[in-house]
């Protein structure tokens, strides 16, 4: 009815349970169900109250920031379930929209947010692949053709196929199956096309999954190699205490070797063994360290240094230096034992 001010107030159904085709952004179509337990839940019923009425669907949710741009009226607070539909009263306050309604632009489509859950089943003989859960109504649009059909109109979900409950759409389309053409309802063809698109998408996803798995495997190998590299570097990094110990050992070695090698000897870049072999060479001119074990070199070096410490011998006179010849292996073993005892 029209109010004295010229507004139009109506009590109308705005949505109903059912299975409806929805076109996704990639162009595919999927059948989604509005089931009674969802569309008639308290959450959805209350969400219809005090919501903007719009002329068609805006391309964004209606909020306080854009209300003046889109709102052409408002819903009341009497939302309830009647005749297995969700009803509410609306007041349209825009003159142009009221005139369009009188001219037949009078079906209703809800703008809403929901969780679309992959769940297949059959409702009232119609098969669906997805279910709309947690439906919250954002606005109520007046459209030329709503998704819920003329049952939900002034006497949702626009730019969709209108499904005639009494026998289907009269504008039949043709599809070809194994060379034979059949006339079917456009919604049926859309559903078949959607299934084909899903099959193609699944194939592409399968190929992409294989490629992705290959990349993941390669990345896993790279990570393992880096982990091993990091572990190796950690083993090579000396702690402060370890570094201090190595410096102390090196200084002691140089201090012990200097009396035999003299100040002119360059210790830079020499390994501990090279320094010890140089010391041994001062006491035994024909000495060659090739093939000698570290234990042999260490024992010979310790003995030579000890001899210097006992006799005050230095590199200026090698005649009294220890040569390692006297006792052969027995003498060498004694030196090893003595070296071990000094370390206790």
Foldseek 3Di string as FASTA:
>chain_A
DADPVGKDKAKFFAWAWDWFWDQDPVRAIFIETADCCACQPPLAQQLQAFAFEFADDDPDFDDPVCCVVTGQWTWHRPWHDDPRTTITMIIGNHPVVVVVCVVQLWAKAFDWDFDWAQDWDADPRRTGGTYTHSIHTRYMYRGNAARAGPNGTVCHHDPGDHADPPPGDPPWDWDADPRDIDTDHPVVVSNVRNVVVVVVVVVVVVVVVVVVVVVVVVVVVVVVVVVVVVVVVVVVDDDPVRVVVVVVVVVVLCVLQCQAPDPVDDPPPDDSLRSLVVSLCLQAVPDDCPPPDPLLSVLSSVQQSVVCVVVVHGNVDNPPTDNCPPPPVVVSVVSSVVVVVVVD
